[in-house]
């Protein structure tokens, strides 16, 4: 999440902070939730060329379950990784 301060008109005496998310946050949140779901059901993903597409983002990359983390690569380098690790 990113923090953005909003300047209010002079009639307001308090500062308001608006939290916004970017596309990177959306992808990492998805990976974290997927990792938690797989762990909850004691499941693993074994796939070849599993491409991830997300509404509003289009093609994100290749999905990989590395047992400890869920990662998205561009076919070589890891570009996203879950921040939640398997238990």
PDB file of N, CA and C in Angstrom:
ATOM      1  N   UNK A   1       0.830  -1.171   0.000  1.00  0.00           N
ATOM      2  CA  UNK A   1       0.000   0.000   0.000  1.00  0.00           C
ATOM      3  C   UNK A   1       0.878   1.238   0.000  1.00  0.00           C
ATOM      4  N   UNK A   2       0.435   2.227  -0.692  1.00  0.00           N
ATOM      5  CA  UNK A   2       1.144   3.490  -0.709  1.00  0.00           C
ATOM      6  C   UNK A   2       0.310   4.527   0.020  1.00  0.00           C
ATOM      7  N   UNK A   3       0.977   5.430   0.696  1.00  0.00           N
ATOM      8  CA  UNK A   3       0.302   6.470   1.437  1.00  0.00           C
ATOM      9  C   UNK A   3       0.313   7.749   0.619  1.00  0.00           C
ATOM     10  N   UNK A   4      -0.840   8.411   0.567  1.00  0.00           N
ATOM     11  CA  UNK A   4      -0.936   9.657  -0.168  1.00  0.00           C
ATOM     12  C   UNK A   4      -1.682  10.646   0.696  1.00  0.00           C
ATOM     13  N   UNK A   5      -1.093  11.806   0.958  1.00  0.00           N
ATOM     14  CA  UNK A   5      -1.751  12.825   1.766  1.00  0.00           C
ATOM     15  C   UNK A   5      -2.643  13.667   0.871  1.00  0.00           C
ATOM     16  N   UNK A   6      -3.824  13.945   1.376  1.00  0.00           N
ATOM     17  CA  UNK A   6      -4.780  14.753   0.637  1.00  0.00           C
ATOM     18  C   UNK A   6      -4.912  16.081   1.342  1.00  0.00           C
ATOM     19  N   UNK A   7      -4.729  17.156   0.604  1.00  0.00           N
ATOM     20  CA  UNK A   7      -4.854  18.485   1.190  1.00  0.00           C
ATOM     21  C   UNK A   7      -6.319  18.893   1.095  1.00  0.00           C
ATOM     22  N   UNK A   8      -6.883  19.178   2.247  1.00  0.00           N
ATOM     23  CA  UNK A   8      -8.289  19.539   2.329  1.00  0.00           C
ATOM     24  C   UNK A   8      -8.420  21.058   2.275  1.00  0.00           C
ATOM     25  N   UNK A   9      -9.614  21.514   2.020  1.00  0.00           N
ATOM     26  CA  UNK A   9      -9.851  22.954   1.986  1.00  0.00           C
ATOM     27  C   UNK A   9      -9.620  23.537   3.370  1.00  0.00           C
ATOM     28  N   UNK A  10      -9.500  24.828   3.456  1.00  0.00           N
ATOM     29  CA  UNK A  10      -9.138  25.484   4.709  1.00  0.00           C
ATOM     30  C   UNK A  10     -10.170  25.270   5.811  1.00  0.00           C
ATOM     31  N   UNK A  11     -11.384  24.827   5.482  1.00  0.00           N
ATOM     32  CA  UNK A  11     -12.410  24.585   6.481  1.00  0.00           C
ATOM     33  C   UNK A  11     -12.149  23.355   7.326  1.00  0.00           C
ATOM     34  N   UNK A  12     -11.253  22.455   6.878  1.00  0.00           N
ATOM     35  CA  UNK A  12     -10.939  21.234   7.621  1.00  0.00           C
ATOM     36  C   UNK A  12      -9.697  21.462   8.461  1.00  0.00           C
ATOM     37  N   UNK A  13      -9.693  20.903   9.666  1.00  0.00           N
ATOM     38  CA  UNK A  13      -8.560  21.088  10.565  1.00  0.00           C
ATOM     39  C   UNK A  13      -7.705  19.840  10.670  1.00  0.00           C
ATOM     40  N   UNK A  14      -8.157  18.719  10.088  1.00  0.00           N
ATOM     41  CA  UNK A  14      -7.396  17.477  10.177  1.00  0.00           C
ATOM     42  C   UNK A  14      -6.831  17.099   8.817  1.00  0.00           C
ATOM     43  N   UNK A  15      -5.677  16.466   8.854  1.00  0.00           N
ATOM     44  CA  UNK A  15      -5.068  15.954   7.633  1.00  0.00           C
ATOM     45  C   UNK A  15      -5.626  14.563   7.373  1.00  0.00           C
ATOM     46  N   UNK A  16      -5.945  14.282   6.130  1.00  0.00           N
ATOM     47  CA  UNK A  16      -6.489  12.982   5.761  1.00  0.00           C
ATOM     48  C   UNK A  16      -5.437  12.221   4.970  1.00  0.00           C
ATOM     49  N   UNK A  17      -5.244  10.937   5.319  1.00  0.00           N
ATOM     50  CA  UNK A  17      -4.297  10.101   4.590  1.00  0.00           C
ATOM     51  C   UNK A  17      -5.097   9.040   3.845  1.00  0.00           C
ATOM     52  N   UNK A  18      -4.868   8.942   2.550  1.00  0.00           N
ATOM     53  CA  UNK A  18      -5.565   7.978   1.707  1.00  0.00           C
ATOM     54  C   UNK A  18      -4.574   6.891   1.315  1.00  0.00           C
ATOM     55  N   UNK A  19      -4.948   5.624   1.542  1.00  0.00           N
ATOM     56  CA  UNK A  19      -4.087   4.511   1.161  1.00  0.00           C
ATOM     57  C   UNK A  19      -4.506   4.019  -0.216  1.00  0.00           C
ATOM     58  N   UNK A  20      -3.551   3.884  -1.094  1.00  0.00           N
ATOM     59  CA  UNK A  20      -3.817   3.379  -2.435  1.00  0.00           C
ATOM     60  C   UNK A  20      -2.912   2.184  -2.681  1.00  0.00           C
ATOM     61  N   UNK A  21      -3.331   1.304  -3.553  1.00  0.00           N
ATOM     62  CA  UNK A  21      -2.480   0.160  -3.880  1.00  0.00           C
ATOM     63  C   UNK A  21      -2.064   0.262  -5.336  1.00  0.00           C
ATOM     64  N   UNK A  22      -0.933  -0.297  -5.641  1.00  0.00           N
ATOM     65  CA  UNK A  22      -0.476  -0.308  -7.018  1.00  0.00           C
ATOM     66  C   UNK A  22      -0.535  -1.737  -7.555  1.00  0.00           C
ATOM     67  N   UNK A  23      -0.217  -1.906  -8.805  1.00  0.00           N
ATOM     68  CA  UNK A  23      -0.325  -3.227  -9.427  1.00  0.00           C
ATOM     69  C   UNK A  23       0.628  -4.237  -8.789  1.00  0.00           C
ATOM     70  N   UNK A  24       1.797  -3.799  -8.319  1.00  0.00           N
ATOM     71  CA  UNK A  24       2.723  -4.722  -7.649  1.00  0.00           C
ATOM     72  C   UNK A  24       2.102  -5.274  -6.375  1.00  0.00           C
ATOM     73  N   UNK A  25       1.427  -4.399  -5.596  1.00  0.00           N
ATOM     74  CA  UNK A  25       0.753  -4.853  -4.380  1.00  0.00           C
ATOM     75  C   UNK A  25      -0.319  -5.885  -4.714  1.00  0.00           C
ATOM     76  N   UNK A  26      -1.052  -5.646  -5.770  1.00  0.00           N
ATOM     77  CA  UNK A  26      -2.129  -6.552  -6.174  1.00  0.00           C
ATOM     78  C   UNK A  26      -1.573  -7.941  -6.482  1.00  0.00           C
ATOM     79  N   UNK A  27      -0.473  -7.999  -7.190  1.00  0.00           N
ATOM     80  CA  UNK A  27       0.133  -9.280  -7.562  1.00  0.00           C
ATOM     81  C   UNK A  27       0.673  -9.994  -6.328  1.00  0.00           C
ATOM     82  N   UNK A  28       1.401  -9.294  -5.460  1.00  0.00           N
ATOM     83  CA  UNK A  28       1.977  -9.916  -4.270  1.00  0.00           C
ATOM     84  C   UNK A  28       0.868 -10.371  -3.319  1.00  0.00           C
ATOM     85  N   UNK A  29      -0.206  -9.602  -3.180  1.00  0.00           N
ATOM     86  CA  UNK A  29      -1.336 -10.027  -2.349  1.00  0.00           C
ATOM     87  C   UNK A  29      -1.943 -11.312  -2.887  1.00  0.00           C
ATOM     88  N   UNK A  30      -2.085 -11.416  -4.210  1.00  0.00           N
ATOM     89  CA  UNK A  30      -2.593 -12.641  -4.823  1.00  0.00           C
ATOM     90  C   UNK A  30      -1.681 -13.821  -4.498  1.00  0.00           C
ATOM     91  N   UNK A  31      -0.374 -13.635  -4.640  1.00  0.00           N
ATOM     92  CA  UNK A  31       0.585 -14.701  -4.364  1.00  0.00           C
ATOM     93  C   UNK A  31       0.526 -15.130  -2.897  1.00  0.00           C
ATOM     94  N   UNK A  32       0.405 -14.168  -1.984  1.00  0.00           N
ATOM     95  CA  UNK A  32       0.313 -14.493  -0.556  1.00  0.00           C
ATOM     96  C   UNK A  32      -0.939 -15.313  -0.258  1.00  0.00           C
ATOM     97  N   UNK A  33      -2.074 -14.899  -0.821  1.00  0.00           N
ATOM     98  CA  UNK A  33      -3.318 -15.623  -0.593  1.00  0.00           C
ATOM     99  C   UNK A  33      -3.266 -17.019  -1.196  1.00  0.00           C
ATOM    100  N   UNK A  34      -2.637 -17.162  -2.352  1.00  0.00           N
ATOM    101  CA  UNK A  34      -2.485 -18.478  -2.978  1.00  0.00           C
ATOM    102  C   UNK A  34      -1.600 -19.378  -2.126  1.00  0.00           C
ATOM    103  N   UNK A  35      -0.496 -18.840  -1.599  1.00  0.00           N
ATOM    104  CA  UNK A  35       0.398 -19.615  -0.737  1.00  0.00           C
ATOM    105  C   UNK A  35      -0.358 -20.119   0.491  1.00  0.00           C
ATOM    106  N   UNK A  36      -1.135 -19.245   1.118  1.00  0.00           N
ATOM    107  CA  UNK A  36      -1.913 -19.610   2.300  1.00  0.00           C
ATOM    108  C   UNK A  36      -2.940 -20.683   1.954  1.00  0.00           C
ATOM    109  N   UNK A  37      -3.630 -20.539   0.818  1.00  0.00           N
ATOM    110  CA  UNK A  37      -4.625 -21.523   0.396  1.00  0.00           C
ATOM    111  C   UNK A  37      -3.992 -22.888   0.135  1.00  0.00           C
ATOM    112  N   UNK A  38      -2.865 -22.917  -0.554  1.00  0.00           N
ATOM    113  CA  UNK A  38      -2.179 -24.185  -0.825  1.00  0.00           C
ATOM    114  C   UNK A  38      -1.740 -24.855   0.480  1.00  0.00           C
ATOM    115  N   UNK A  39      -1.195 -24.064   1.404  1.00  0.00           N
ATOM    116  CA  UNK A  39      -0.761 -24.621   2.687  1.00  0.00           C
ATOM    117  C   UNK A  39      -1.945 -25.143   3.494  1.00  0.00           C
ATOM    118  N   UNK A  40      -3.045 -24.419   3.472  1.00  0.00           N
ATOM    119  CA  UNK A  40      -4.239 -24.816   4.221  1.00  0.00           C
ATOM    120  C   UNK A  40      -4.733 -26.193   3.779  1.00  0.00           C
ATOM    121  N   UNK A  41      -4.649 -26.465   2.480  1.00  0.00           N
ATOM    122  CA  UNK A  41      -5.139 -27.723   1.936  1.00  0.00           C
ATOM    123  C   UNK A  41      -4.017 -28.724   1.681  1.00  0.00           C
ATOM    124  N   UNK A  42      -2.803 -28.387   2.162  1.00  0.00           N
ATOM    125  CA  UNK A  42      -1.639 -29.247   1.961  1.00  0.00           C
ATOM    126  C   UNK A  42      -1.500 -29.630   0.487  1.00  0.00           C
ATOM    127  N   UNK A  43      -1.619 -28.624  -0.373  1.00  0.00           N
ATOM    128  CA  UNK A  43      -1.572 -28.843  -1.822  1.00  0.00           C
ATOM    129  C   UNK A  43      -0.343 -28.169  -2.422  1.00  0.00           C
ATOM    130  N   UNK A  44       0.070 -28.659  -3.571  1.00  0.00           N
ATOM    131  CA  UNK A  44       1.206 -28.101  -4.303  1.00  0.00           C
ATOM    132  C   UNK A  44       0.814 -27.964  -5.766  1.00  0.00           C
ATOM    133  N   UNK A  45       1.400 -27.013  -6.437  1.00  0.00           N
ATOM    134  CA  UNK A  45       1.168 -26.828  -7.870  1.00  0.00           C
ATOM    135  C   UNK A  45       2.337 -27.411  -8.646  1.00  0.00           C
ATOM    136  N   UNK A  46       2.041 -28.274  -9.583  1.00  0.00           N
ATOM    137  CA  UNK A  46       3.045 -28.778 -10.505  1.00  0.00           C
ATOM    138  C   UNK A  46       2.520 -28.487 -11.899  1.00  0.00           C
ATOM    139  N   UNK A  47       3.137 -27.549 -12.559  1.00  0.00           N
ATOM    140  CA  UNK A  47       2.649 -27.152 -13.883  1.00  0.00           C
ATOM    141  C   UNK A  47       3.819 -26.704 -14.743  1.00  0.00           C
ATOM    142  N   UNK A  48       3.616 -26.808 -16.024  1.00  0.00           N
ATOM    143  CA  UNK A  48       4.582 -26.304 -16.981  1.00  0.00           C
ATOM    144  C   UNK A  48       3.927 -25.158 -17.734  1.00  0.00           C
ATOM    145  N   UNK A  49       4.616 -24.052 -17.827  1.00  0.00           N
ATOM    146  CA  UNK A  49       4.121 -22.887 -18.559  1.00  0.00           C
ATOM    147  C   UNK A  49       2.768 -22.410 -18.060  1.00  0.00           C
ATOM    148  N   UNK A  50       2.627 -22.250 -16.738  1.00  0.00           N
ATOM    149  CA  UNK A  50       1.395 -21.738 -16.143  1.00  0.00           C
ATOM    150  C   UNK A  50       1.463 -20.212 -16.158  1.00  0.00           C
ATOM    151  N   UNK A  51       0.776 -19.602 -17.110  1.00  0.00           N
ATOM    152  CA  UNK A  51       0.807 -18.154 -17.258  1.00  0.00           C
ATOM    153  C   UNK A  51      -0.297 -17.516 -16.430  1.00  0.00           C
ATOM    154  N   UNK A  52       0.024 -16.419 -15.748  1.00  0.00           N
ATOM    155  CA  UNK A  52      -0.946 -15.699 -14.930  1.00  0.00           C
ATOM    156  C   UNK A  52      -1.359 -14.423 -15.638  1.00  0.00           C
ATOM    157  N   UNK A  53      -2.659 -14.267 -15.799  1.00  0.00           N
ATOM    158  CA  UNK A  53      -3.260 -13.048 -16.324  1.00  0.00           C
ATOM    159  C   UNK A  53      -4.174 -12.505 -15.238  1.00  0.00           C
ATOM    160  N   UNK A  54      -4.193 -11.181 -15.057  1.00  0.00           N
ATOM    161  CA  UNK A  54      -5.072 -10.563 -14.063  1.00  0.00           C
ATOM    162  C   UNK A  54      -5.829  -9.416 -14.705  1.00  0.00           C
ATOM    163  N   UNK A  55      -7.114  -9.300 -14.340  1.00  0.00           N
ATOM    164  CA  UNK A  55      -7.926  -8.190 -14.849  1.00  0.00           C
ATOM    165  C   UNK A  55      -7.243  -6.866 -14.536  1.00  0.00           C
ATOM    166  N   UNK A  56      -7.198  -6.002 -15.488  1.00  0.00           N
ATOM    167  CA  UNK A  56      -6.588  -4.692 -15.311  1.00  0.00           C
ATOM    168  C   UNK A  56      -5.081  -4.682 -15.494  1.00  0.00           C
ATOM    169  N   UNK A  57      -4.458  -5.851 -15.452  1.00  0.00           N
ATOM    170  CA  UNK A  57      -2.999  -5.927 -15.607  1.00  0.00           C
ATOM    171  C   UNK A  57      -2.590  -6.699 -16.852  1.00  0.00           C
ATOM    172  N   UNK A  58      -3.443  -7.604 -17.302  1.00  0.00           N
ATOM    173  CA  UNK A  58      -3.090  -8.450 -18.435  1.00  0.00           C
ATOM    174  C   UNK A  58      -2.108  -9.525 -18.023  1.00  0.00           C
ATOM    175  N   UNK A  59      -1.167  -9.844 -18.906  1.00  0.00           N
ATOM    176  CA  UNK A  59      -0.166 -10.881 -18.642  1.00  0.00           C
ATOM    177  C   UNK A  59       0.775 -10.414 -17.539  1.00  0.00           C
ATOM    178  N   UNK A  60       0.921 -11.239 -16.493  1.00  0.00           N
ATOM    179  CA  UNK A  60       1.796 -10.893 -15.372  1.00  0.00           C
ATOM    180  C   UNK A  60       3.105 -11.664 -15.455  1.00  0.00           C
ATOM    181  N   UNK A  61       3.043 -12.960 -15.775  1.00  0.00           N
ATOM    182  CA  UNK A  61       4.253 -13.771 -15.875  1.00  0.00           C
ATOM    183  C   UNK A  61       3.925 -15.233 -15.675  1.00  0.00           C
ATOM    184  N   UNK A  62       4.965 -16.034 -15.484  1.00  0.00           N
ATOM    185  CA  UNK A  62       4.841 -17.479 -15.300  1.00  0.00           C
ATOM    186  C   UNK A  62       4.751 -17.793 -13.810  1.00  0.00           C
ATOM    187  N   UNK A  63       3.694 -18.510 -13.411  1.00  0.00           N
ATOM    188  CA  UNK A  63       3.453 -18.860 -12.021  1.00  0.00           C
ATOM    189  C   UNK A  63       4.251 -20.102 -11.646  1.00  0.00           C
ATOM    190  N   UNK A  64       4.962 -20.047 -10.520  1.00  0.00           N
ATOM    191  CA  UNK A  64       5.773 -21.174 -10.059  1.00  0.00           C
ATOM    192  C   UNK A  64       5.572 -21.375  -8.563  1.00  0.00           C
ATOM    193  N   UNK A  65       5.293 -22.602  -8.145  1.00  0.00           N
ATOM    194  CA  UNK A  65       5.207 -22.962  -6.731  1.00  0.00           C
ATOM    195  C   UNK A  65       6.546 -23.560  -6.340  1.00  0.00           C
ATOM    196  N   UNK A  66       7.322 -22.815  -5.579  1.00  0.00           N
ATOM    197  CA  UNK A  66       8.632 -23.297  -5.137  1.00  0.00           C
ATOM    198  C   UNK A  66       8.575 -23.840  -3.722  1.00  0.00           C
ATOM    199  N   UNK A  67       7.440 -24.393  -3.359  1.00  0.00           N
ATOM    200  CA  UNK A  67       7.157 -25.022  -2.078  1.00  0.00           C
ATOM    201  C   UNK A  67       7.194 -24.008  -0.932  1.00  0.00           C
ATOM    202  N   UNK A  68       8.248 -23.270  -0.762  1.00  0.00           N
ATOM    203  CA  UNK A  68       8.322 -22.254   0.286  1.00  0.00           C
ATOM    204  C   UNK A  68       7.557 -20.986  -0.097  1.00  0.00           C
ATOM    205  N   UNK A  69       7.672 -20.568  -1.332  1.00  0.00           N
ATOM    206  CA  UNK A  69       7.018 -19.349  -1.798  1.00  0.00           C
ATOM    207  C   UNK A  69       6.366 -19.607  -3.149  1.00  0.00           C
ATOM    208  N   UNK A  70       5.448 -18.725  -3.505  1.00  0.00           N
ATOM    209  CA  UNK A  70       4.878 -18.714  -4.850  1.00  0.00           C
ATOM    210  C   UNK A  70       5.565 -17.572  -5.578  1.00  0.00           C
ATOM    211  N   UNK A  71       6.053 -17.834  -6.771  1.00  0.00           N
ATOM    212  CA  UNK A  71       6.790 -16.810  -7.514  1.00  0.00           C
ATOM    213  C   UNK A  71       6.224 -16.633  -8.915  1.00  0.00           C
ATOM    214  N   UNK A  72       6.488 -15.471  -9.463  1.00  0.00           N
ATOM    215  CA  UNK A  72       6.176 -15.194 -10.861  1.00  0.00           C
ATOM    216  C   UNK A  72       7.472 -14.782 -11.528  1.00  0.00           C
ATOM    217  N   UNK A  73       7.776 -15.457 -12.629  1.00  0.00           N
ATOM    218  CA  UNK A  73       9.009 -15.143 -13.350  1.00  0.00           C
ATOM    219  C   UNK A  73       8.663 -14.690 -14.756  1.00  0.00           C
ATOM    220  N   UNK A  74       9.655 -14.130 -15.403  1.00  0.00           N
ATOM    221  CA  UNK A  74       9.497 -13.732 -16.802  1.00  0.00           C
ATOM    222  C   UNK A  74      10.059 -14.815 -17.721  1.00  0.00           C
ATOM    223  N   UNK A  75      10.207 -16.011 -17.181  1.00  0.00           N
ATOM    224  CA  UNK A  75      10.791 -17.119 -17.925  1.00  0.00           C
ATOM    225  C   UNK A  75      12.220 -17.375 -17.498  1.00  0.00           C
ATOM    226  N   UNK A  76      12.791 -16.449 -16.770  1.00  0.00           N
ATOM    227  CA  UNK A  76      14.161 -16.593 -16.282  1.00  0.00           C
ATOM    228  C   UNK A  76      14.297 -16.012 -14.889  1.00  0.00           C
ATOM    229  N   UNK A  77      14.106 -14.721 -14.783  1.00  0.00           N
ATOM    230  CA  UNK A  77      14.248 -14.024 -13.498  1.00  0.00           C
ATOM    231  C   UNK A  77      12.923 -13.968 -12.752  1.00  0.00           C
ATOM    232  N   UNK A  78      12.999 -14.055 -11.419  1.00  0.00           N
ATOM    233  CA  UNK A  78      11.816 -13.896 -10.571  1.00  0.00           C
ATOM    234  C   UNK A  78      11.494 -12.409 -10.506  1.00  0.00           C
ATOM    235  N   UNK A  79      10.240 -12.060 -10.837  1.00  0.00           N
ATOM    236  CA  UNK A  79       9.843 -10.656 -10.812  1.00  0.00           C
ATOM    237  C   UNK A  79       8.899 -10.344  -9.657  1.00  0.00           C
ATOM    238  N   UNK A  80       8.206 -11.361  -9.137  1.00  0.00           N
ATOM    239  CA  UNK A  80       7.351 -11.218  -7.966  1.00  0.00           C
ATOM    240  C   UNK A  80       7.505 -12.462  -7.118  1.00  0.00           C
ATOM    241  N   UNK A  81       7.356 -12.306  -5.802  1.00  0.00           N
ATOM    242  CA  UNK A  81       7.407 -13.448  -4.900  1.00  0.00           C
ATOM    243  C   UNK A  81       6.475 -13.195  -3.738  1.00  0.00           C
ATOM    244  N   UNK A  82       5.811 -14.263  -3.256  1.00  0.00           N
ATOM    245  CA  UNK A  82       4.966 -14.098  -2.070  1.00  0.00           C
ATOM    246  C   UNK A  82       5.861 -13.724  -0.896  1.00  0.00           C
ATOM    247  N   UNK A  83       5.310 -12.946   0.012  1.00  0.00           N
ATOM    248  CA  UNK A  83       6.055 -12.599   1.222  1.00  0.00           C
ATOM    249  C   UNK A  83       5.680 -13.541   2.357  1.00  0.00           C
ATOM    250  N   UNK A  84       4.688 -14.387   2.113  1.00  0.00           N
ATOM    251  CA  UNK A  84       4.270 -15.417   3.077  1.00  0.00           C
ATOM    252  C   UNK A  84       4.960 -16.714   2.671  1.00  0.00           C
ATOM    253  N   UNK A  85       5.625 -17.342   3.635  1.00  0.00           N
ATOM    254  CA  UNK A  85       6.295 -18.616   3.355  1.00  0.00           C
ATOM    255  C   UNK A  85       5.488 -19.767   3.902  1.00  0.00           C
ATOM    256  N   UNK A  86       5.665 -20.928   3.297  1.00  0.00           N
ATOM    257  CA  UNK A  86       4.986 -22.121   3.755  1.00  0.00           C
ATOM    258  C   UNK A  86       5.476 -22.480   5.148  1.00  0.00           C
ATOM    259  N   UNK A  87       4.611 -23.085   5.928  1.00  0.00           N
ATOM    260  CA  UNK A  87       4.956 -23.432   7.331  1.00  0.00           C
ATOM    261  C   UNK A  87       5.916 -24.565   7.394  1.00  0.00           C
TER     262      UNK A  87
END
